[in-house]
Structure formats: structure tokens, C-alpha cells
Amino acid sequence: MNPSQDSLQVSPAHNASRRAFLAQIGAVCALAKTASAAPVQGAEASSSPKTPAPLKARQSQMKLGTVTYNLAKDWDIETLIKNCEQTRFEGAELRTTHAHGVEIALSKSQRDTVKKRFADSRVALMGLGSAFDYHTPDSTKLRQDIDATKEYMVLAHDLGATGVKVRPNGLPKNVPVEKTLDQIGKSLRELGAFGADLGVQIRLEVHGEGTSRVPHIKSIMDTAGHKNVGVCWNSNQSDLDGDGFDHNFDLLKGRLFTVHMRDLFLEEYPFRRLMTRLVESGFKGFCLAEIPSSADPIRVMHYYRALWLSYQGLL
């Protein structure tokens, strides 16, 4: 046998070992191919959104305005409109006794002038803010307050405003709570019926010691039972009491006409959650800034609007 040929021969044992090695390599390659073709565990789940869709996608239709209390308390009508237009605030609620001078003493021509001034601007006179309340145990005073509210509602009608804000302001001592809540509700029912013929809403502010508790406001609204009577959500810290913010919001969410908001930077209140719930509920009304006066109001209003938009996912 040629020595060189003899050196190239492979023993049967070596051949078997070689076949086993190649089989192992093939198995590894097949496993790797299968792994690369299979989806990564959990990849599909992670690509699906686990948080609610952005508010922007839900088409927020809310509008931003201001209460003249207290930022604009010293502004006349011209200044109010100019500042709101400059900062893209869309409406104003004129609180009684402020520098704008819009009160029931205005003559017909003066009312017409105010109405036209707002109508010619980009700012809606969306309501009047009164200080009338109906919790007094004095029946004579109660009737006076109801009748005075009606005069104010006529003023709102003459100005083209769509509503009047009223409020409860406490629970009288030595009077059962249920009796006071019932009295307020019945007063609002009368006012709601009166305003329906004028096209003027009654907006009950969540206000007053004791009466600002959301379950109490719900009781008042249940008694009022009129479609022309709604709630002005007031962004009180007590909105978080009891079973919490969401529970309290749900008690009133179908009855909200307007919203008052404090400084939006306050971390003690869930303003972002409020925006979410308002949009989810289909609220299309005014969110009104009820904030302190400032030496730099235009800058404050710009920042306020930016934060309000940001909480809705619109910036």
C-alpha cells in the first residue's frame, strides 16, 4: 500500500464521531433558525397601548375663559376684552361689584352697548357671577334673594349672556341639613323655570362650608330637578373627600354647565385628571380661571392657557 494513501484513510470509529458532530451542528443551526423566526415573547403586548388614548385624539371641545374674580376685578370692559383677546381666552364671567360695572342698574341703552361690544369681539360674555344664595332660614330674605336673582337673570338675557352663577354658602346652625338642602333645591327649581323662558341657565357653584361637599350638591340638584339648572364645578380640595375624586365627579358629571379652576400649578389638586374626566364626559363648556390678581397678568394668562392645553395633551 502506498504510504501516502495509508495516511489518508480514516478509521470507522473516527467516521462515526464525525457524523455525530455534524448532527449536533445541524441541530443547533435548526434551533437558531426557529428562534429567529419566532416573535419575541411579549413584543406584541408591548406594542399595544396600555394607557388611555391622548385627550387630543378624543377631540376636546372645551373653552378657556376667566372669572373677573380676582385676576380681572380692576379691569373695565375694554381692558378685559383686550387682555382676553391677546391671550386667546375665549370668554368671561363678570362677577358682580367689579370694575366692569355690569350691574342691574344699567339702562337699556347701556345694556345694548355692553352686548354689542362683546358681540363685536372674540370674547364671549358667557355668564354673570352673582353672590345670591338660598340657605337662609329667614323666609323673607329667601324670597328677596330669589326675586333679586330673577332681576339678574333678566340682565344676563339683555346682555346676551347664557347663564347666571349662584351659590349655596353654608349650613345654618340649628336647622337640619336635609331641610336646608331641600330649600336650596326648590329655590333653584323656581329659578330654572324662570330662566328657561329667557334662555338663561342657573349655574350652582359647589361652594360654602358644608354645602361644598359634592354629595350635598347632588342632593340639591336632585331636588331642583330642572334641565335649566346645572353645576359650576369649583375645583375645591373637598372634591377629594369621601370615596375620592372620581366618585365625586361621577355624582355630578352629567350636570356640569361650567368649571371654575384655581391655579393649575397646585399639586394638591388633580387638575390633569379633571381635564381627562371632563373630556371623557363630553363636556363642551367653559373652564374659567379663578385666580389671584397679578402685576403681570398677560404673562400669567399665557402660562395658564399653555398649562391648560398641556393637561389635555394639546401641546
C-alpha atoms as a PDB file:
ATOM      1  CA  MET A   1       0.000   0.000   0.000  1.00  0.00           C
ATOM      2  CA  ASN A   2       1.227   3.436  -0.843  1.00  0.00           C
ATOM      3  CA  PRO A   3       2.234   5.180   2.373  1.00  0.00           C
ATOM      4  CA  SER A   4       0.601   8.402   1.314  1.00  0.00           C
ATOM      5  CA  GLN A   5      -2.713   6.635   0.675  1.00  0.00           C
ATOM      6  CA  ASP A   6      -2.478   4.860   4.023  1.00  0.00           C
ATOM      7  CA  SER A   7      -2.120   8.214   5.802  1.00  0.00           C
ATOM      8  CA  LEU A   8      -5.376   9.470   4.280  1.00  0.00           C
ATOM      9  CA  GLN A   9      -7.539   6.573   5.464  1.00  0.00           C
ATOM     10  CA  VAL A  10      -9.991   7.250   8.342  1.00  0.00           C
ATOM     11  CA  SER A  11     -10.906   4.608  10.861  1.00  0.00           C
ATOM     12  CA  PRO A  12     -14.588   3.577  11.254  1.00  0.00           C
ATOM     13  CA  ALA A  13     -14.622   4.907  14.821  1.00  0.00           C
ATOM     14  CA  HIS A  14     -13.422   8.305  13.703  1.00  0.00           C
ATOM     15  CA  ASN A  15     -16.063   8.330  10.949  1.00  0.00           C
ATOM     16  CA  ALA A  16     -18.864   7.743  13.488  1.00  0.00           C
ATOM     17  CA  SER A  17     -17.571  10.504  15.704  1.00  0.00           C
ATOM     18  CA  ARG A  18     -17.520  12.899  12.776  1.00  0.00           C
ATOM     19  CA  ARG A  19     -21.135  12.066  11.851  1.00  0.00           C
ATOM     20  CA  ALA A  20     -22.295  12.684  15.407  1.00  0.00           C
ATOM     21  CA  PHE A  21     -20.547  16.060  15.486  1.00  0.00           C
ATOM     22  CA  LEU A  22     -22.169  17.147  12.203  1.00  0.00           C
ATOM     23  CA  ALA A  23     -25.590  16.070  13.510  1.00  0.00           C
ATOM     24  CA  GLN A  24     -25.125  18.236  16.605  1.00  0.00           C
ATOM     25  CA  ILE A  25     -24.136  21.237  14.471  1.00  0.00           C
ATOM     26  CA  GLY A  26     -27.244  20.727  12.317  1.00  0.00           C
ATOM     27  CA  ALA A  27     -29.483  20.623  15.350  1.00  0.00           C
ATOM     28  CA  VAL A  28     -28.003  23.857  16.744  1.00  0.00           C
ATOM     29  CA  CYS A  29     -28.464  25.622  13.391  1.00  0.00           C
ATOM     30  CA  ALA A  30     -32.077  24.452  13.149  1.00  0.00           C
ATOM     31  CA  LEU A  31     -32.778  25.692  16.686  1.00  0.00           C
ATOM     32  CA  ALA A  32     -31.237  29.078  15.924  1.00  0.00           C
ATOM     33  CA  LYS A  33     -33.328  29.409  12.749  1.00  0.00           C
ATOM     34  CA  THR A  34     -36.519  28.572  14.644  1.00  0.00           C
ATOM     35  CA  ALA A  35     -35.707  31.096  17.379  1.00  0.00           C
ATOM     36  CA  SER A  36     -35.013  33.892  14.891  1.00  0.00           C
ATOM     37  CA  ALA A  37     -38.292  33.250  13.047  1.00  0.00           C
ATOM     38  CA  ALA A  38     -40.425  33.224  16.237  1.00  0.00           C
ATOM     39  CA  PRO A  39     -41.745  36.543  17.685  1.00  0.00           C
ATOM     40  CA  VAL A  40     -40.068  37.837  20.796  1.00  0.00           C
ATOM     41  CA  GLN A  41     -42.057  36.909  23.866  1.00  0.00           C
ATOM     42  CA  GLY A  42     -44.318  39.842  24.866  1.00  0.00           C
ATOM     43  CA  ALA A  43     -43.344  42.042  21.892  1.00  0.00           C
ATOM     44  CA  GLU A  44     -46.895  42.196  20.589  1.00  0.00           C
ATOM     45  CA  ALA A  45     -48.244  43.128  24.020  1.00  0.00           C
ATOM     46  CA  SER A  46     -45.654  45.864  24.481  1.00  0.00           C
ATOM     47  CA  SER A  47     -46.571  47.427  21.121  1.00  0.00           C
ATOM     48  CA  SER A  48     -50.211  47.761  22.168  1.00  0.00           C
ATOM     49  CA  PRO A  49     -51.066  50.937  24.112  1.00  0.00           C
ATOM     50  CA  LYS A  50     -51.674  50.287  27.799  1.00  0.00           C
ATOM     51  CA  THR A  51     -52.646  53.849  28.637  1.00  0.00           C
ATOM     52  CA  PRO A  52     -55.798  55.699  27.520  1.00  0.00           C
ATOM     53  CA  ALA A  53     -55.621  57.473  24.174  1.00  0.00           C
ATOM     54  CA  PRO A  54     -54.345  61.056  24.400  1.00  0.00           C
ATOM     55  CA  LEU A  55     -57.030  63.639  25.073  1.00  0.00           C
ATOM     56  CA  LYS A  56     -56.161  65.263  21.762  1.00  0.00           C
ATOM     57  CA  ALA A  57     -57.370  62.142  19.993  1.00  0.00           C
ATOM     58  CA  ARG A  58     -60.687  62.423  21.819  1.00  0.00           C
ATOM     59  CA  GLN A  59     -61.258  65.909  20.388  1.00  0.00           C
ATOM     60  CA  SER A  60     -61.523  68.185  23.403  1.00  0.00           C
ATOM     61  CA  GLN A  61     -64.159  70.834  22.756  1.00  0.00           C
ATOM     62  CA  MET A  62     -63.760  72.761  25.990  1.00  0.00           C
ATOM     63  CA  LYS A  63     -63.165  76.505  26.005  1.00  0.00           C
ATOM     64  CA  LEU A  64     -60.997  78.620  28.290  1.00  0.00           C
ATOM     65  CA  GLY A  65     -62.163  81.815  29.932  1.00  0.00           C
ATOM     66  CA  THR A  66     -61.722  83.836  33.088  1.00  0.00           C
ATOM     67  CA  VAL A  67     -63.784  84.926  36.041  1.00  0.00           C
ATOM     68  CA  THR A  68     -63.209  88.586  36.881  1.00  0.00           C
ATOM     69  CA  TYR A  69     -62.700  87.391  40.467  1.00  0.00           C
ATOM     70  CA  ASN A  70     -59.873  88.194  41.142  1.00  0.00           C
ATOM     71  CA  LEU A  71     -57.468  88.489  38.208  1.00  0.00           C
ATOM     72  CA  ALA A  72     -59.665  90.958  36.323  1.00  0.00           C
ATOM     73  CA  LYS A  73     -61.521  92.648  39.163  1.00  0.00           C
ATOM     74  CA  ASP A  74     -59.998  96.045  38.352  1.00  0.00           C
ATOM     75  CA  TRP A  75     -60.432  95.890  34.556  1.00  0.00           C
ATOM     76  CA  ASP A  76     -63.108  97.777  32.680  1.00  0.00           C
ATOM     77  CA  ILE A  77     -64.853  96.116  29.740  1.00  0.00           C
ATOM     78  CA  GLU A  78     -62.338  97.375  27.171  1.00  0.00           C
ATOM     79  CA  THR A  79     -59.346  96.153  29.164  1.00  0.00           C
ATOM     80  CA  LEU A  80     -60.986  92.802  29.843  1.00  0.00           C
ATOM     81  CA  ILE A  81     -61.707  92.168  26.172  1.00  0.00           C
ATOM     82  CA  LYS A  82     -58.281  93.377  25.054  1.00  0.00           C
ATOM     83  CA  ASN A  83     -56.426  91.165  27.533  1.00  0.00           C
ATOM     84  CA  CYS A  84     -58.551  88.101  26.783  1.00  0.00           C
ATOM     85  CA  GLU A  85     -58.106  88.512  23.033  1.00  0.00           C
ATOM     86  CA  GLN A  86     -54.353  88.963  23.407  1.00  0.00           C
ATOM     87  CA  THR A  87     -54.031  85.751  25.434  1.00  0.00           C
ATOM     88  CA  ARG A  88     -56.659  83.755  23.488  1.00  0.00           C
ATOM     89  CA  PHE A  89     -59.075  83.418  26.390  1.00  0.00           C
ATOM     90  CA  GLU A  90     -62.454  82.832  24.772  1.00  0.00           C
ATOM     91  CA  GLY A  91     -64.898  84.039  27.397  1.00  0.00           C
ATOM     92  CA  ALA A  92     -65.523  85.874  30.646  1.00  0.00           C
ATOM     93  CA  GLU A  93     -67.817  85.553  33.644  1.00  0.00           C
ATOM     94  CA  LEU A  94     -68.442  89.004  35.097  1.00  0.00           C
ATOM     95  CA  ARG A  95     -68.546  88.825  38.876  1.00  0.00           C
ATOM     96  CA  THR A  96     -70.802  91.407  40.493  1.00  0.00           C
ATOM     97  CA  THR A  97     -69.285  94.535  42.179  1.00  0.00           C
ATOM     98  CA  HIS A  98     -66.135  94.595  39.999  1.00  0.00           C
ATOM     99  CA  ALA A  99     -64.723  97.413  37.875  1.00  0.00           C
ATOM    100  CA  HIS A 100     -66.522  96.287  34.700  1.00  0.00           C
ATOM    101  CA  GLY A 101     -69.633  97.952  36.132  1.00  0.00           C
ATOM    102  CA  VAL A 102     -72.124  95.484  34.699  1.00  0.00           C
ATOM    103  CA  GLU A 103     -74.971  95.570  37.225  1.00  0.00           C
ATOM    104  CA  ILE A 104     -78.766  95.617  37.191  1.00  0.00           C
ATOM    105  CA  ALA A 105     -78.722  99.448  37.352  1.00  0.00           C
ATOM    106  CA  LEU A 106     -77.649  99.620  33.702  1.00  0.00           C
ATOM    107  CA  SER A 107     -80.175 101.262  31.410  1.00  0.00           C
ATOM    108  CA  LYS A 108     -81.437  99.562  28.256  1.00  0.00           C
ATOM    109  CA  SER A 109     -79.064 101.532  26.046  1.00  0.00           C
ATOM    110  CA  GLN A 110     -76.133 100.714  28.331  1.00  0.00           C
ATOM    111  CA  ARG A 111     -77.055  97.029  28.230  1.00  0.00           C
ATOM    112  CA  ASP A 112     -77.221  97.159  24.453  1.00  0.00           C
ATOM    113  CA  THR A 113     -73.780  98.788  24.336  1.00  0.00           C
ATOM    114  CA  VAL A 114     -72.190  96.083  26.502  1.00  0.00           C
ATOM    115  CA  LYS A 115     -73.868  93.342  24.481  1.00  0.00           C
ATOM    116  CA  LYS A 116     -72.617  94.797  21.205  1.00  0.00           C
ATOM    117  CA  ARG A 117     -69.089  95.296  22.500  1.00  0.00           C
ATOM    118  CA  PHE A 118     -68.759  91.616  23.365  1.00  0.00           C
ATOM    119  CA  ALA A 119     -70.552  90.518  20.199  1.00  0.00           C
ATOM    120  CA  ASP A 120     -68.053  92.510  18.117  1.00  0.00           C
ATOM    121  CA  SER A 121     -65.098  90.882  19.890  1.00  0.00           C
ATOM    122  CA  ARG A 122     -63.606  87.402  20.015  1.00  0.00           C
ATOM    123  CA  VAL A 123     -64.605  87.101  23.690  1.00  0.00           C
ATOM    124  CA  ALA A 124     -67.939  85.659  24.772  1.00  0.00           C
ATOM    125  CA  LEU A 125     -69.823  87.151  27.674  1.00  0.00           C
ATOM    126  CA  MET A 126     -70.608  83.613  28.806  1.00  0.00           C
ATOM    127  CA  GLY A 127     -72.192  84.457  32.136  1.00  0.00           C
ATOM    128  CA  LEU A 128     -72.674  86.672  35.150  1.00  0.00           C
ATOM    129  CA  GLY A 129     -71.349  85.745  38.572  1.00  0.00           C
ATOM    130  CA  SER A 130     -73.705  86.629  41.406  1.00  0.00           C
ATOM    131  CA  ALA A 131     -73.411  86.146  45.157  1.00  0.00           C
ATOM    132  CA  PHE A 132     -77.015  85.077  45.689  1.00  0.00           C
ATOM    133  CA  ASP A 133     -77.602  82.105  47.967  1.00  0.00           C
ATOM    134  CA  TYR A 134     -80.707  80.367  49.275  1.00  0.00           C
ATOM    135  CA  HIS A 135     -79.756  78.688  52.527  1.00  0.00           C
ATOM    136  CA  THR A 136     -81.128  81.330  54.905  1.00  0.00           C
ATOM    137  CA  PRO A 137     -83.811  80.173  57.381  1.00  0.00           C
ATOM    138  CA  ASP A 138     -85.397  83.645  57.068  1.00  0.00           C
ATOM    139  CA  SER A 139     -88.252  83.194  54.587  1.00  0.00           C
ATOM    140  CA  THR A 140     -88.462  86.932  53.850  1.00  0.00           C
ATOM    141  CA  LYS A 141     -84.789  87.143  52.945  1.00  0.00           C
ATOM    142  CA  LEU A 142     -85.064  83.957  50.915  1.00  0.00           C
ATOM    143  CA  ARG A 143     -87.837  85.473  48.787  1.00  0.00           C
ATOM    144  CA  GLN A 144     -85.799  88.658  48.351  1.00  0.00           C
ATOM    145  CA  ASP A 145     -82.790  86.643  47.158  1.00  0.00           C
ATOM    146  CA  ILE A 146     -84.878  84.660  44.673  1.00  0.00           C
ATOM    147  CA  ASP A 147     -86.504  87.798  43.256  1.00  0.00           C
ATOM    148  CA  ALA A 148     -83.141  89.598  43.050  1.00  0.00           C
ATOM    149  CA  THR A 149     -81.725  86.624  41.169  1.00  0.00           C
ATOM    150  CA  LYS A 150     -84.532  86.916  38.640  1.00  0.00           C
ATOM    151  CA  GLU A 151     -83.614  90.559  38.022  1.00  0.00           C
ATOM    152  CA  TYR A 152     -80.036  89.467  37.445  1.00  0.00           C
ATOM    153  CA  MET A 153     -81.210  86.811  35.013  1.00  0.00           C
ATOM    154  CA  VAL A 154     -83.074  89.443  33.010  1.00  0.00           C
ATOM    155  CA  LEU A 155     -79.834  91.450  32.927  1.00  0.00           C
ATOM    156  CA  ALA A 156     -77.996  88.393  31.613  1.00  0.00           C
ATOM    157  CA  HIS A 157     -80.612  87.964  28.897  1.00  0.00           C
ATOM    158  CA  ASP A 158     -80.355  91.610  27.858  1.00  0.00           C
ATOM    159  CA  LEU A 159     -76.550  91.307  27.615  1.00  0.00           C
ATOM    160  CA  GLY A 160     -76.612  88.072  25.625  1.00  0.00           C
ATOM    161  CA  ALA A 161     -75.096  86.060  28.485  1.00  0.00           C
ATOM    162  CA  THR A 162     -76.257  82.455  28.712  1.00  0.00           C
ATOM    163  CA  GLY A 163     -76.249  81.943  32.461  1.00  0.00           C
ATOM    164  CA  VAL A 164     -76.027  83.245  35.998  1.00  0.00           C
ATOM    165  CA  LYS A 165     -73.790  81.675  38.632  1.00  0.00           C
ATOM    166  CA  VAL A 166     -75.351  81.345  42.092  1.00  0.00           C
ATOM    167  CA  ARG A 167     -74.134  79.532  45.192  1.00  0.00           C
ATOM    168  CA  PRO A 168     -75.005  77.955  48.482  1.00  0.00           C
ATOM    169  CA  ASN A 169     -72.868  79.459  51.208  1.00  0.00           C
ATOM    170  CA  GLY A 170     -73.206  77.292  54.277  1.00  0.00           C
ATOM    171  CA  LEU A 171     -75.468  75.261  56.511  1.00  0.00           C
ATOM    172  CA  PRO A 172     -77.327  77.331  59.148  1.00  0.00           C
ATOM    173  CA  LYS A 173     -76.970  76.167  62.716  1.00  0.00           C
ATOM    174  CA  ASN A 174     -79.947  74.511  64.394  1.00  0.00           C
ATOM    175  CA  VAL A 175     -81.504  73.659  61.026  1.00  0.00           C
ATOM    176  CA  PRO A 176     -81.494  70.057  59.786  1.00  0.00           C
ATOM    177  CA  VAL A 177     -79.093  69.680  56.877  1.00  0.00           C
ATOM    178  CA  GLU A 178     -81.702  67.915  54.755  1.00  0.00           C
ATOM    179  CA  LYS A 179     -84.151  70.798  55.204  1.00  0.00           C
ATOM    180  CA  THR A 180     -81.579  73.363  54.049  1.00  0.00           C
ATOM    181  CA  LEU A 181     -80.561  71.293  51.018  1.00  0.00           C
ATOM    182  CA  ASP A 182     -84.227  70.817  50.095  1.00  0.00           C
ATOM    183  CA  GLN A 183     -84.885  74.559  50.385  1.00  0.00           C
ATOM    184  CA  ILE A 184     -81.954  75.415  48.134  1.00  0.00           C
ATOM    185  CA  GLY A 185     -83.059  72.841  45.582  1.00  0.00           C
ATOM    186  CA  LYS A 186     -86.627  74.153  45.449  1.00  0.00           C
ATOM    187  CA  SER A 187     -85.356  77.712  45.045  1.00  0.00           C
ATOM    188  CA  LEU A 188     -83.217  76.628  42.117  1.00  0.00           C
ATOM    189  CA  ARG A 189     -86.149  74.835  40.517  1.00  0.00           C
ATOM    190  CA  GLU A 190     -88.169  78.057  40.525  1.00  0.00           C
ATOM    191  CA  LEU A 191     -85.227  79.973  39.068  1.00  0.00           C
ATOM    192  CA  GLY A 192     -84.566  77.336  36.451  1.00  0.00           C
ATOM    193  CA  ALA A 193     -88.139  77.550  35.210  1.00  0.00           C
ATOM    194  CA  PHE A 194     -87.942  81.347  35.124  1.00  0.00           C
ATOM    195  CA  GLY A 195     -84.694  81.294  33.185  1.00  0.00           C
ATOM    196  CA  ALA A 196     -85.909  78.745  30.639  1.00  0.00           C
ATOM    197  CA  ASP A 197     -88.153  81.367  29.078  1.00  0.00           C
ATOM    198  CA  LEU A 198     -85.207  83.767  28.874  1.00  0.00           C
ATOM    199  CA  GLY A 199     -82.641  81.315  27.588  1.00  0.00           C
ATOM    200  CA  VAL A 200     -80.596  81.869  30.751  1.00  0.00           C
ATOM    201  CA  GLN A 201     -79.205  78.974  32.780  1.00  0.00           C
ATOM    202  CA  ILE A 202     -78.797  78.773  36.547  1.00  0.00           C
ATOM    203  CA  ARG A 203     -75.316  77.504  37.453  1.00  0.00           C
ATOM    204  CA  LEU A 204     -74.900  76.329  41.024  1.00  0.00           C
ATOM    205  CA  GLU A 205     -71.343  76.756  42.262  1.00  0.00           C
ATOM    206  CA  VAL A 206     -70.009  73.984  44.502  1.00  0.00           C
ATOM    207  CA  HIS A 207     -69.425  76.408  47.353  1.00  0.00           C
ATOM    208  CA  GLY A 208     -69.762  77.104  51.056  1.00  0.00           C
ATOM    209  CA  GLU A 209     -68.827  75.473  54.321  1.00  0.00           C
ATOM    210  CA  GLY A 210     -70.594  72.134  54.397  1.00  0.00           C
ATOM    211  CA  THR A 211     -72.599  72.831  51.233  1.00  0.00           C
ATOM    212  CA  SER A 212     -69.461  72.403  49.106  1.00  0.00           C
ATOM    213  CA  ARG A 213     -69.475  68.666  49.826  1.00  0.00           C
ATOM    214  CA  VAL A 214     -70.262  67.047  46.498  1.00  0.00           C
ATOM    215  CA  PRO A 215     -72.894  64.616  47.890  1.00  0.00           C
ATOM    216  CA  HIS A 216     -74.768  67.643  49.268  1.00  0.00           C
ATOM    217  CA  ILE A 217     -74.651  69.356  45.885  1.00  0.00           C
ATOM    218  CA  LYS A 218     -76.045  66.192  44.324  1.00  0.00           C
ATOM    219  CA  SER A 219     -78.924  66.234  46.822  1.00  0.00           C
ATOM    220  CA  ILE A 220     -79.658  69.863  45.929  1.00  0.00           C
ATOM    221  CA  MET A 221     -79.601  69.070  42.223  1.00  0.00           C
ATOM    222  CA  ASP A 222     -81.867  66.052  42.690  1.00  0.00           C
ATOM    223  CA  THR A 223     -84.414  68.298  44.374  1.00  0.00           C
ATOM    224  CA  ALA A 224     -84.082  71.040  41.762  1.00  0.00           C
ATOM    225  CA  GLY A 225     -84.733  68.532  39.005  1.00  0.00           C
ATOM    226  CA  HIS A 226     -84.749  71.073  36.160  1.00  0.00           C
ATOM    227  CA  LYS A 227     -82.755  70.806  32.945  1.00  0.00           C
ATOM    228  CA  ASN A 228     -82.023  74.540  33.075  1.00  0.00           C
ATOM    229  CA  VAL A 229     -80.228  74.155  36.425  1.00  0.00           C
ATOM    230  CA  GLY A 230     -76.679  72.848  36.345  1.00  0.00           C
ATOM    231  CA  VAL A 231     -73.475  72.798  38.330  1.00  0.00           C
ATOM    232  CA  CYS A 232     -70.420  75.021  38.320  1.00  0.00           C
ATOM    233  CA  TRP A 233     -67.630  72.641  39.370  1.00  0.00           C
ATOM    234  CA  ASN A 234     -65.395  74.696  41.648  1.00  0.00           C
ATOM    235  CA  SER A 235     -62.173  72.651  41.937  1.00  0.00           C
ATOM    236  CA  ASN A 236     -62.350  72.536  45.737  1.00  0.00           C
ATOM    237  CA  GLN A 237     -59.982  70.425  47.779  1.00  0.00           C
ATOM    238  CA  SER A 238     -63.063  68.762  49.273  1.00  0.00           C
ATOM    239  CA  ASP A 239     -63.675  67.170  45.848  1.00  0.00           C
ATOM    240  CA  LEU A 240     -61.208  64.513  47.044  1.00  0.00           C
ATOM    241  CA  ASP A 241     -63.123  63.727  50.258  1.00  0.00           C
ATOM    242  CA  GLY A 242     -65.094  60.582  50.971  1.00  0.00           C
ATOM    243  CA  ASP A 243     -64.699  57.979  48.225  1.00  0.00           C
ATOM    244  CA  GLY A 244     -62.341  60.218  46.275  1.00  0.00           C
ATOM    245  CA  PHE A 245     -62.224  62.463  43.247  1.00  0.00           C
ATOM    246  CA  ASP A 246     -63.542  60.086  40.594  1.00  0.00           C
ATOM    247  CA  HIS A 247     -66.509  59.006  42.717  1.00  0.00           C
ATOM    248  CA  ASN A 248     -67.444  62.622  43.451  1.00  0.00           C
ATOM    249  CA  PHE A 249     -67.017  63.665  39.833  1.00  0.00           C
ATOM    250  CA  ASP A 250     -69.315  60.847  38.748  1.00  0.00           C
ATOM    251  CA  LEU A 251     -72.026  62.142  41.091  1.00  0.00           C
ATOM    252  CA  LEU A 252     -72.291  65.351  39.048  1.00  0.00           C
ATOM    253  CA  LYS A 253     -70.688  64.677  35.663  1.00  0.00           C
ATOM    254  CA  GLY A 254     -73.952  64.748  33.706  1.00  0.00           C
ATOM    255  CA  ARG A 255     -74.952  68.078  35.234  1.00  0.00           C
ATOM    256  CA  LEU A 256     -71.883  70.259  34.720  1.00  0.00           C
ATOM    257  CA  PHE A 257     -72.515  73.571  32.955  1.00  0.00           C
ATOM    258  CA  THR A 258     -69.256  75.367  33.785  1.00  0.00           C
ATOM    259  CA  VAL A 259     -65.979  74.828  35.663  1.00  0.00           C
ATOM    260  CA  HIS A 260     -64.041  77.184  37.920  1.00  0.00           C
ATOM    261  CA  MET A 261     -60.331  76.404  38.251  1.00  0.00           C
ATOM    262  CA  ARG A 262     -57.713  77.629  40.708  1.00  0.00           C
ATOM    263  CA  ASP A 263     -54.018  77.987  39.871  1.00  0.00           C
ATOM    264  CA  LEU A 264     -53.203  74.952  37.747  1.00  0.00           C
ATOM    265  CA  PHE A 265     -49.733  74.557  39.238  1.00  0.00           C
ATOM    266  CA  LEU A 266     -51.213  73.452  42.580  1.00  0.00           C
ATOM    267  CA  GLU A 267     -50.102  69.852  43.025  1.00  0.00           C
ATOM    268  CA  GLU A 268     -52.636  69.270  45.798  1.00  0.00           C
ATOM    269  CA  TYR A 269     -55.454  69.070  43.234  1.00  0.00           C
ATOM    270  CA  PRO A 270     -55.691  66.568  40.335  1.00  0.00           C
ATOM    271  CA  PHE A 271     -56.176  69.095  37.531  1.00  0.00           C
ATOM    272  CA  ARG A 272     -54.865  66.771  34.828  1.00  0.00           C
ATOM    273  CA  ARG A 273     -57.355  64.130  35.979  1.00  0.00           C
ATOM    274  CA  LEU A 274     -60.107  66.760  35.970  1.00  0.00           C
ATOM    275  CA  MET A 275     -59.319  67.591  32.330  1.00  0.00           C
ATOM    276  CA  THR A 276     -59.395  63.898  31.425  1.00  0.00           C
ATOM    277  CA  ARG A 277     -62.749  63.316  33.096  1.00  0.00           C
ATOM    278  CA  LEU A 278     -64.291  66.443  31.556  1.00  0.00           C
ATOM    279  CA  VAL A 279     -63.299  65.390  28.049  1.00  0.00           C
ATOM    280  CA  GLU A 280     -64.416  61.798  28.636  1.00  0.00           C
ATOM    281  CA  SER A 281     -67.803  63.052  29.825  1.00  0.00           C
ATOM    282  CA  GLY A 282     -68.287  65.121  26.666  1.00  0.00           C
ATOM    283  CA  PHE A 283     -68.109  68.475  28.455  1.00  0.00           C
ATOM    284  CA  LYS A 284     -68.082  71.326  25.906  1.00  0.00           C
ATOM    285  CA  GLY A 285     -68.443  74.335  28.188  1.00  0.00           C
ATOM    286  CA  PHE A 286     -66.111  76.912  29.672  1.00  0.00           C
ATOM    287  CA  CYS A 287     -63.270  76.233  32.069  1.00  0.00           C
ATOM    288  CA  LEU A 288     -62.816  79.548  33.874  1.00  0.00           C
ATOM    289  CA  ALA A 289     -59.638  80.706  35.577  1.00  0.00           C
ATOM    290  CA  GLU A 290     -60.470  81.942  39.070  1.00  0.00           C
ATOM    291  CA  ILE A 291     -57.031  83.076  40.148  1.00  0.00           C
ATOM    292  CA  PRO A 292     -55.387  85.914  42.129  1.00  0.00           C
ATOM    293  CA  SER A 293     -54.569  89.261  40.593  1.00  0.00           C
ATOM    294  CA  SER A 294     -51.081  89.795  39.194  1.00  0.00           C
ATOM    295  CA  ALA A 295     -48.741  92.649  38.348  1.00  0.00           C
ATOM    296  CA  ASP A 296     -48.020  90.799  35.093  1.00  0.00           C
ATOM    297  CA  PRO A 297     -51.472  89.477  34.086  1.00  0.00           C
ATOM    298  CA  ILE A 298     -50.798  88.929  30.385  1.00  0.00           C
ATOM    299  CA  ARG A 299     -47.823  86.696  31.095  1.00  0.00           C
ATOM    300  CA  VAL A 300     -49.802  84.800  33.730  1.00  0.00           C
ATOM    301  CA  MET A 301     -52.687  84.252  31.302  1.00  0.00           C
ATOM    302  CA  HIS A 302     -50.339  82.967  28.598  1.00  0.00           C
ATOM    303  CA  TYR A 303     -48.808  80.479  31.027  1.00  0.00           C
ATOM    304  CA  TYR A 304     -52.229  79.491  32.337  1.00  0.00           C
ATOM    305  CA  ARG A 305     -53.529  78.698  28.867  1.00  0.00           C
ATOM    306  CA  ALA A 306     -50.393  76.720  27.996  1.00  0.00           C
ATOM    307  CA  LEU A 307     -50.745  74.561  31.106  1.00  0.00           C
ATOM    308  CA  TRP A 308     -54.466  74.075  30.500  1.00  0.00           C
ATOM    309  CA  LEU A 309     -53.722  72.854  26.971  1.00  0.00           C
ATOM    310  CA  SER A 310     -50.873  70.671  28.155  1.00  0.00           C
ATOM    311  CA  TYR A 311     -53.097  68.914  30.694  1.00  0.00           C
ATOM    312  CA  GLN A 312     -55.314  67.933  27.753  1.00  0.00           C
ATOM    313  CA  GLY A 313     -52.400  66.676  25.656  1.00  0.00           C
ATOM    314  CA  LEU A 314     -52.898  69.520  23.171  1.00  0.00           C
ATOM    315  CA  LEU A 315     -49.364  70.929  23.393  1.00  0.00           C
END
